[in-house]
């Protein structure tokens, strides 16, 4: 299966997690890894599972590397009706803005017609679970679901 992993990060945690997912999936799938700051929303793969990993920064904002991507969506309003994505967030439940970065990113994509596969999962940095463990189990479930869909290549 073709899988596009895109990440939005401020301090590098989402990037490291995205790299872990890439390493986990690359043995069995055609996987690419892209920083959202370098991604064109209109060029999101329609023949792949787009896996997004996004942290939250500041007062529930998108991280620095996701902001240019969000700005391009707002400026160009691309038709994303053929795009399917799954999203994993990073946050800290100690803050009332827990997971808002990934929520905002998902809302932007859905607002342009993209379809979210499965539920958005957010890792809690204050919890005892490791982000990698949660994300690998989550992405395996997303890949399994996508494999049953006709759009997955």
N, C-alpha and C. Protein backbone atom coordinates (compact mmCIF):
# COMPACT_ATOMS: atom_id res chain seq x y z
N UNK A 1 0.85 -1.17 0.00
CA UNK A 1 0.00 0.00 0.00
C UNK A 1 0.90 1.24 0.00
N UNK A 2 0.43 2.26 -0.67
CA UNK A 2 1.14 3.53 -0.67
C UNK A 2 0.68 4.34 0.55
N UNK A 3 1.66 4.80 1.34
CA UNK A 3 1.35 5.57 2.54
C UNK A 3 2.20 6.84 2.55
N UNK A 4 1.54 7.96 2.69
CA UNK A 4 2.20 9.26 2.81
C UNK A 4 2.12 9.68 4.27
N UNK A 5 3.26 9.83 4.93
CA UNK A 5 3.29 10.30 6.31
C UNK A 5 3.71 11.77 6.27
N UNK A 6 2.86 12.61 6.84
CA UNK A 6 3.14 14.04 6.89
C UNK A 6 3.11 14.48 8.35
N UNK A 7 4.04 15.34 8.73
CA UNK A 7 4.09 15.73 10.13
C UNK A 7 4.19 17.24 10.28
N UNK A 8 3.59 17.70 11.38
CA UNK A 8 3.68 19.10 11.80
C UNK A 8 4.29 19.13 13.18
N UNK A 9 5.41 19.84 13.34
CA UNK A 9 6.14 19.81 14.60
C UNK A 9 6.65 21.19 14.98
N UNK A 10 6.86 21.37 16.26
CA UNK A 10 7.45 22.60 16.79
C UNK A 10 8.83 22.29 17.37
N UNK A 11 8.90 21.23 18.17
CA UNK A 11 10.16 20.91 18.86
C UNK A 11 10.83 19.64 18.34
N UNK A 12 10.20 18.97 17.39
CA UNK A 12 10.78 17.76 16.81
C UNK A 12 10.13 16.47 17.25
N UNK A 13 9.25 16.50 18.24
CA UNK A 13 8.63 15.26 18.73
C UNK A 13 7.75 14.60 17.67
N UNK A 14 6.95 15.39 16.95
CA UNK A 14 6.09 14.81 15.91
C UNK A 14 6.94 14.26 14.76
N UNK A 15 8.04 14.92 14.45
CA UNK A 15 8.93 14.43 13.41
C UNK A 15 9.54 13.09 13.80
N UNK A 16 10.01 12.98 15.04
CA UNK A 16 10.59 11.71 15.50
C UNK A 16 9.55 10.59 15.48
N UNK A 17 8.33 10.90 15.88
CA UNK A 17 7.28 9.90 15.86
C UNK A 17 6.95 9.49 14.43
N UNK A 18 6.89 10.47 13.53
CA UNK A 18 6.64 10.16 12.12
C UNK A 18 7.74 9.27 11.55
N UNK A 19 8.97 9.52 11.94
CA UNK A 19 10.08 8.67 11.50
C UNK A 19 9.95 7.26 12.04
N UNK A 20 9.47 7.12 13.28
CA UNK A 20 9.22 5.80 13.85
C UNK A 20 8.15 5.06 13.05
N UNK A 21 7.10 5.77 12.67
CA UNK A 21 6.03 5.15 11.87
C UNK A 21 6.55 4.76 10.49
N UNK A 22 7.38 5.62 9.90
CA UNK A 22 7.97 5.31 8.60
C UNK A 22 8.79 4.03 8.69
N UNK A 23 9.64 3.92 9.70
CA UNK A 23 10.47 2.73 9.87
C UNK A 23 9.61 1.48 10.09
N UNK A 24 8.56 1.62 10.85
CA UNK A 24 7.66 0.50 11.14
C UNK A 24 6.95 0.01 9.87
N UNK A 25 6.50 0.93 9.04
CA UNK A 25 5.68 0.58 7.88
C UNK A 25 6.47 0.28 6.62
N UNK A 26 7.69 0.78 6.51
CA UNK A 26 8.40 0.74 5.23
C UNK A 26 8.76 -0.67 4.77
N UNK A 27 8.83 -1.63 5.65
CA UNK A 27 9.13 -2.99 5.21
C UNK A 27 8.04 -3.61 4.35
N UNK A 28 6.80 -3.24 4.60
CA UNK A 28 5.67 -3.84 3.90
C UNK A 28 4.92 -2.89 2.97
N UNK A 29 5.29 -1.61 2.99
CA UNK A 29 4.54 -0.61 2.22
C UNK A 29 5.47 0.37 1.54
N UNK A 30 4.92 1.09 0.56
CA UNK A 30 5.63 2.16 -0.14
C UNK A 30 5.36 3.44 0.66
N UNK A 31 6.32 3.86 1.48
CA UNK A 31 6.11 4.95 2.44
C UNK A 31 6.99 6.16 2.10
N UNK A 32 6.38 7.34 2.14
CA UNK A 32 7.14 8.58 2.03
C UNK A 32 6.88 9.42 3.28
N UNK A 33 7.85 10.25 3.62
CA UNK A 33 7.78 11.09 4.81
C UNK A 33 8.01 12.54 4.39
N UNK A 34 7.10 13.44 4.82
CA UNK A 34 7.19 14.83 4.41
C UNK A 34 6.81 15.74 5.57
N UNK A 35 7.60 16.79 5.76
CA UNK A 35 7.25 17.84 6.71
C UNK A 35 6.10 18.63 6.09
N UNK A 36 5.07 18.93 6.87
CA UNK A 36 3.94 19.69 6.34
C UNK A 36 4.36 21.05 5.79
N UNK A 37 5.46 21.60 6.29
CA UNK A 37 5.92 22.89 5.76
C UNK A 37 6.32 22.78 4.30
N UNK A 38 6.63 21.57 3.84
CA UNK A 38 7.03 21.34 2.45
C UNK A 38 5.92 20.75 1.60
N UNK A 39 4.75 20.56 2.17
CA UNK A 39 3.65 19.88 1.47
C UNK A 39 2.69 20.87 0.84
N UNK A 40 2.21 20.51 -0.34
CA UNK A 40 1.20 21.28 -1.05
C UNK A 40 -0.15 20.59 -0.81
N UNK A 41 -1.09 21.26 -0.15
CA UNK A 41 -2.38 20.60 0.12
C UNK A 41 -3.06 20.07 -1.14
N UNK A 42 -2.93 20.78 -2.25
CA UNK A 42 -3.57 20.35 -3.49
C UNK A 42 -2.91 19.11 -4.07
N UNK A 43 -1.72 18.78 -3.59
CA UNK A 43 -1.00 17.62 -4.11
C UNK A 43 -1.06 16.42 -3.16
N UNK A 44 -1.93 16.47 -2.15
CA UNK A 44 -2.07 15.31 -1.27
C UNK A 44 -2.49 14.10 -2.08
N UNK A 45 -1.91 12.98 -1.78
CA UNK A 45 -2.14 11.76 -2.55
C UNK A 45 -3.60 11.30 -2.44
N UNK A 46 -4.19 11.02 -3.60
CA UNK A 46 -5.55 10.47 -3.62
C UNK A 46 -5.52 8.95 -3.72
N UNK A 47 -4.34 8.40 -4.02
CA UNK A 47 -4.21 6.95 -4.17
C UNK A 47 -3.42 6.33 -3.01
N UNK A 48 -3.38 7.04 -1.89
CA UNK A 48 -2.60 6.59 -0.74
C UNK A 48 -3.36 6.87 0.54
N UNK A 49 -2.87 6.24 1.59
CA UNK A 49 -3.33 6.59 2.93
C UNK A 49 -2.43 7.71 3.41
N UNK A 50 -2.99 8.88 3.64
CA UNK A 50 -2.26 10.02 4.17
C UNK A 50 -2.34 9.95 5.68
N UNK A 51 -1.20 9.74 6.32
CA UNK A 51 -1.11 9.64 7.77
C UNK A 51 -0.47 10.92 8.27
N UNK A 52 -1.20 11.67 9.08
CA UNK A 52 -0.69 12.93 9.62
C UNK A 52 -0.37 12.77 11.09
N UNK A 53 0.76 13.34 11.49
CA UNK A 53 1.18 13.38 12.88
C UNK A 53 1.39 14.85 13.21
N UNK A 54 0.66 15.35 14.21
CA UNK A 54 0.70 16.78 14.48
C UNK A 54 0.66 17.06 15.98
N UNK A 55 1.57 17.92 16.40
CA UNK A 55 1.60 18.33 17.80
C UNK A 55 0.72 19.57 17.98
N UNK A 56 0.63 20.02 19.21
CA UNK A 56 -0.06 21.26 19.56
C UNK A 56 0.97 22.18 20.18
N UNK A 57 0.87 23.45 19.86
CA UNK A 57 1.84 24.41 20.39
C UNK A 57 1.11 25.61 20.98
N UNK A 58 1.72 26.22 21.98
CA UNK A 58 1.18 27.46 22.55
C UNK A 58 -0.22 27.29 23.10
N UNK A 59 -1.09 28.15 22.68
CA UNK A 59 -2.47 28.18 23.16
C UNK A 59 -3.39 27.33 22.28
N UNK A 60 -2.95 26.11 21.98
CA UNK A 60 -3.76 25.24 21.14
C UNK A 60 -3.55 25.47 19.66
N UNK A 61 -2.40 26.03 19.31
CA UNK A 61 -2.12 26.38 17.92
C UNK A 61 -1.46 25.23 17.18
N UNK A 62 -1.44 25.37 15.86
CA UNK A 62 -0.68 24.45 15.04
C UNK A 62 0.80 24.71 15.28
N UNK A 63 1.61 23.69 15.19
CA UNK A 63 3.06 23.89 15.33
C UNK A 63 3.61 24.64 14.12
N UNK A 64 4.81 25.18 14.28
CA UNK A 64 5.41 26.03 13.23
C UNK A 64 5.47 25.36 11.87
N UNK A 65 5.82 24.08 11.82
CA UNK A 65 5.96 23.46 10.50
C UNK A 65 4.62 23.12 9.84
N UNK A 66 3.53 23.15 10.59
CA UNK A 66 2.20 22.90 10.00
C UNK A 66 1.52 24.19 9.57
N UNK A 67 1.96 25.32 10.11
CA UNK A 67 1.29 26.58 9.82
C UNK A 67 1.33 26.97 8.33
N UNK A 68 2.46 26.83 7.62
CA UNK A 68 2.45 27.16 6.19
C UNK A 68 1.46 26.30 5.39
N UNK A 69 1.34 25.03 5.77
CA UNK A 69 0.39 24.13 5.12
C UNK A 69 -1.04 24.63 5.34
N UNK A 70 -1.35 24.98 6.58
CA UNK A 70 -2.68 25.50 6.91
C UNK A 70 -2.94 26.82 6.17
N UNK A 71 -1.94 27.67 6.10
CA UNK A 71 -2.09 28.94 5.38
C UNK A 71 -2.38 28.71 3.90
N UNK A 72 -1.72 27.70 3.31
CA UNK A 72 -1.97 27.39 1.89
C UNK A 72 -3.38 26.86 1.69
N UNK A 73 -3.87 26.07 2.63
CA UNK A 73 -5.26 25.58 2.52
C UNK A 73 -6.21 26.77 2.55
N UNK A 74 -6.01 27.66 3.50
CA UNK A 74 -6.89 28.83 3.63
C UNK A 74 -6.82 29.74 2.41
N UNK A 75 -5.63 29.90 1.84
CA UNK A 75 -5.45 30.81 0.71
C UNK A 75 -5.97 30.24 -0.61
N UNK A 76 -5.84 28.93 -0.80
CA UNK A 76 -6.17 28.34 -2.10
C UNK A 76 -7.46 27.53 -2.10
N UNK A 77 -7.96 27.14 -0.94
CA UNK A 77 -9.18 26.34 -0.82
C UNK A 77 -9.22 25.18 -1.82
N UNK A 78 -8.23 24.29 -1.78
CA UNK A 78 -8.19 23.19 -2.75
C UNK A 78 -9.32 22.19 -2.53
N UNK A 79 -9.71 21.54 -3.61
CA UNK A 79 -10.71 20.48 -3.53
C UNK A 79 -10.00 19.21 -3.05
N UNK A 80 -10.26 18.80 -1.84
CA UNK A 80 -9.63 17.61 -1.27
C UNK A 80 -10.62 16.45 -1.15
N UNK A 81 -11.68 16.49 -1.94
CA UNK A 81 -12.74 15.49 -1.82
C UNK A 81 -12.29 14.07 -2.14
N UNK A 82 -11.18 13.90 -2.80
CA UNK A 82 -10.67 12.56 -3.10
C UNK A 82 -9.60 12.10 -2.12
N UNK A 83 -9.27 12.96 -1.14
CA UNK A 83 -8.20 12.68 -0.19
C UNK A 83 -8.76 11.96 1.03
N UNK A 84 -8.05 10.91 1.45
CA UNK A 84 -8.39 10.17 2.67
C UNK A 84 -7.22 10.29 3.61
N UNK A 85 -7.49 10.52 4.89
CA UNK A 85 -6.40 10.70 5.84
C UNK A 85 -6.75 10.12 7.21
N UNK A 86 -5.70 9.83 7.96
CA UNK A 86 -5.80 9.46 9.37
C UNK A 86 -4.87 10.41 10.11
N UNK A 87 -5.23 10.76 11.35
CA UNK A 87 -4.43 11.76 12.06
C UNK A 87 -4.18 11.34 13.51
N UNK A 88 -2.93 11.54 13.91
CA UNK A 88 -2.47 11.23 15.27
C UNK A 88 -1.93 12.52 15.86
N UNK A 89 -2.40 12.87 17.04
CA UNK A 89 -1.97 14.10 17.68
C UNK A 89 -1.06 13.87 18.87
N UNK A 90 -0.30 14.90 19.19
CA UNK A 90 0.54 14.90 20.38
C UNK A 90 0.12 16.09 21.23
N UNK A 91 0.02 15.86 22.53
CA UNK A 91 -0.39 16.93 23.42
C UNK A 91 -0.09 16.57 24.87
N UNK A 92 -0.58 17.41 25.75
CA UNK A 92 -0.37 17.22 27.18
C UNK A 92 -1.67 17.59 27.87
N UNK A 93 -2.29 16.60 28.52
CA UNK A 93 -3.60 16.80 29.15
C UNK A 93 -3.55 17.80 30.30
N UNK A 94 -2.37 18.18 30.73
CA UNK A 94 -2.22 19.20 31.78
C UNK A 94 -2.72 20.56 31.29
N UNK A 95 -2.83 20.71 29.98
CA UNK A 95 -3.27 21.98 29.39
C UNK A 95 -4.67 21.84 28.83
N UNK A 96 -5.47 22.88 28.97
CA UNK A 96 -6.84 22.82 28.45
C UNK A 96 -6.88 22.80 26.93
N UNK A 97 -5.76 23.10 26.30
CA UNK A 97 -5.68 23.09 24.84
C UNK A 97 -5.22 21.73 24.30
N UNK A 98 -5.32 20.70 25.13
CA UNK A 98 -4.87 19.35 24.80
C UNK A 98 -5.34 18.90 23.42
N UNK A 99 -4.39 18.62 22.53
CA UNK A 99 -4.70 18.03 21.23
C UNK A 99 -5.34 18.96 20.22
N UNK A 100 -5.41 20.25 20.50
CA UNK A 100 -6.11 21.15 19.57
C UNK A 100 -5.39 21.32 18.24
N UNK A 101 -4.06 21.18 18.21
CA UNK A 101 -3.34 21.32 16.95
C UNK A 101 -3.81 20.30 15.93
N UNK A 102 -3.84 19.04 16.31
CA UNK A 102 -4.28 17.99 15.38
C UNK A 102 -5.76 18.13 15.06
N UNK A 103 -6.55 18.60 16.01
CA UNK A 103 -7.98 18.83 15.76
C UNK A 103 -8.18 19.93 14.72
N UNK A 104 -7.43 21.01 14.85
CA UNK A 104 -7.52 22.11 13.88
C UNK A 104 -7.09 21.65 12.48
N UNK A 105 -6.03 20.86 12.42
CA UNK A 105 -5.55 20.37 11.13
C UNK A 105 -6.59 19.46 10.48
N UNK A 106 -7.15 18.55 11.25
CA UNK A 106 -8.20 17.66 10.73
C UNK A 106 -9.39 18.47 10.24
N UNK A 107 -9.79 19.48 10.98
CA UNK A 107 -10.93 20.32 10.59
C UNK A 107 -10.67 21.06 9.28
N UNK A 108 -9.44 21.54 9.11
CA UNK A 108 -9.09 22.21 7.85
C UNK A 108 -9.22 21.26 6.65
N UNK A 109 -8.72 20.05 6.82
CA UNK A 109 -8.80 19.07 5.73
C UNK A 109 -10.25 18.68 5.44
N UNK A 110 -11.00 18.40 6.48
CA UNK A 110 -12.40 18.02 6.31
C UNK A 110 -13.19 19.18 5.68
N UNK A 111 -12.85 20.40 6.06
CA UNK A 111 -13.51 21.58 5.50
C UNK A 111 -13.32 21.71 4.00
N UNK A 112 -12.27 21.10 3.48
CA UNK A 112 -12.02 21.13 2.03
C UNK A 112 -12.45 19.84 1.36
N UNK A 113 -13.19 19.00 2.09
CA UNK A 113 -13.78 17.81 1.50
C UNK A 113 -13.06 16.51 1.76
N UNK A 114 -11.90 16.54 2.43
CA UNK A 114 -11.17 15.31 2.72
C UNK A 114 -11.96 14.44 3.69
N UNK A 115 -11.72 13.14 3.63
CA UNK A 115 -12.40 12.19 4.49
C UNK A 115 -11.42 11.62 5.50
N UNK A 116 -11.79 11.71 6.77
CA UNK A 116 -10.95 11.16 7.83
C UNK A 116 -11.26 9.69 8.03
N UNK A 117 -10.22 8.89 8.04
CA UNK A 117 -10.34 7.45 8.27
C UNK A 117 -10.15 7.21 9.76
N UNK A 118 -11.11 6.63 10.40
CA UNK A 118 -10.99 6.32 11.82
C UNK A 118 -11.01 7.55 12.71
N UNK A 119 -10.79 7.32 13.97
CA UNK A 119 -10.81 8.40 14.96
C UNK A 119 -9.42 9.01 15.12
N UNK A 120 -9.39 10.28 15.40
CA UNK A 120 -8.14 10.96 15.73
C UNK A 120 -7.74 10.51 17.12
N UNK A 121 -6.50 10.08 17.25
CA UNK A 121 -5.98 9.67 18.54
C UNK A 121 -4.94 10.70 18.97
N UNK A 122 -4.94 11.07 20.26
CA UNK A 122 -3.98 12.05 20.76
C UNK A 122 -3.23 11.43 21.93
N UNK A 123 -1.91 11.43 21.81
CA UNK A 123 -1.06 10.94 22.89
C UNK A 123 -0.95 12.02 23.96
N UNK A 124 -1.01 11.60 25.21
CA UNK A 124 -0.89 12.51 26.35
C UNK A 124 0.52 12.41 26.93
N UNK A 125 1.30 13.48 26.77
CA UNK A 125 2.67 13.49 27.28
C UNK A 125 2.72 13.33 28.79
N UNK A 126 1.65 13.64 29.49
CA UNK A 126 1.60 13.49 30.94
C UNK A 126 1.25 12.07 31.37
N UNK A 127 0.85 11.25 30.42
CA UNK A 127 0.45 9.89 30.73
C UNK A 127 1.64 8.94 30.77
N UNK A 128 1.35 7.68 31.02
CA UNK A 128 2.41 6.69 31.15
C UNK A 128 2.70 5.94 29.84
N UNK A 129 1.81 6.06 28.87
CA UNK A 129 2.01 5.37 27.60
C UNK A 129 3.05 6.08 26.74
N UNK A 130 3.85 5.31 26.03
CA UNK A 130 4.81 5.89 25.10
C UNK A 130 4.09 6.23 23.79
N UNK A 131 4.41 7.38 23.24
CA UNK A 131 3.78 7.81 21.99
C UNK A 131 4.00 6.78 20.88
N UNK A 132 5.23 6.23 20.78
CA UNK A 132 5.52 5.26 19.71
C UNK A 132 4.63 4.03 19.81
N UNK A 133 4.45 3.53 21.03
CA UNK A 133 3.62 2.34 21.21
C UNK A 133 2.18 2.60 20.79
N UNK A 134 1.64 3.72 21.22
CA UNK A 134 0.27 4.07 20.85
C UNK A 134 0.14 4.27 19.34
N UNK A 135 1.08 5.01 18.78
CA UNK A 135 1.00 5.36 17.36
C UNK A 135 1.16 4.14 16.46
N UNK A 136 2.04 3.22 16.82
CA UNK A 136 2.24 2.03 15.98
C UNK A 136 0.99 1.15 16.00
N UNK A 137 0.41 0.96 17.17
CA UNK A 137 -0.83 0.18 17.24
C UNK A 137 -1.94 0.88 16.45
N UNK A 138 -2.02 2.19 16.60
CA UNK A 138 -3.04 2.98 15.89
C UNK A 138 -2.84 2.91 14.38
N UNK A 139 -1.60 3.12 13.91
CA UNK A 139 -1.37 3.14 12.46
C UNK A 139 -1.62 1.76 11.85
N UNK A 140 -1.29 0.70 12.57
CA UNK A 140 -1.58 -0.64 12.05
C UNK A 140 -3.08 -0.82 11.83
N UNK A 141 -3.88 -0.32 12.75
CA UNK A 141 -5.34 -0.40 12.60
C UNK A 141 -5.82 0.44 11.42
N UNK A 142 -5.22 1.62 11.22
CA UNK A 142 -5.60 2.48 10.09
C UNK A 142 -5.25 1.80 8.76
N UNK A 143 -4.07 1.20 8.70
CA UNK A 143 -3.64 0.51 7.48
C UNK A 143 -4.57 -0.67 7.20
N UNK A 144 -4.93 -1.41 8.22
CA UNK A 144 -5.82 -2.54 8.04
C UNK A 144 -7.19 -2.07 7.51
N UNK A 145 -7.71 -1.00 8.08
CA UNK A 145 -8.98 -0.44 7.59
C UNK A 145 -8.84 0.05 6.16
N UNK A 146 -7.76 0.76 5.87
CA UNK A 146 -7.56 1.29 4.51
C UNK A 146 -7.43 0.18 3.49
N UNK A 147 -6.86 -0.95 3.88
CA UNK A 147 -6.69 -2.07 2.96
C UNK A 147 -8.01 -2.62 2.47
N UNK A 148 -9.07 -2.41 3.24
CA UNK A 148 -10.39 -2.89 2.83
C UNK A 148 -11.14 -1.88 1.97
N UNK A 149 -10.56 -0.69 1.81
CA UNK A 149 -11.21 0.37 1.05
C UNK A 149 -10.72 0.33 -0.40
N UNK A 150 -11.59 0.65 -1.33
CA UNK A 150 -11.25 0.58 -2.75
C UNK A 150 -10.23 1.63 -3.17
N UNK A 151 -10.10 2.72 -2.43
CA UNK A 151 -9.16 3.79 -2.82
C UNK A 151 -7.73 3.47 -2.45
N UNK A 152 -7.50 2.51 -1.58
CA UNK A 152 -6.14 2.19 -1.14
C UNK A 152 -5.41 1.44 -2.25
N UNK A 153 -4.25 1.95 -2.63
CA UNK A 153 -3.47 1.34 -3.73
C UNK A 153 -2.41 0.41 -3.17
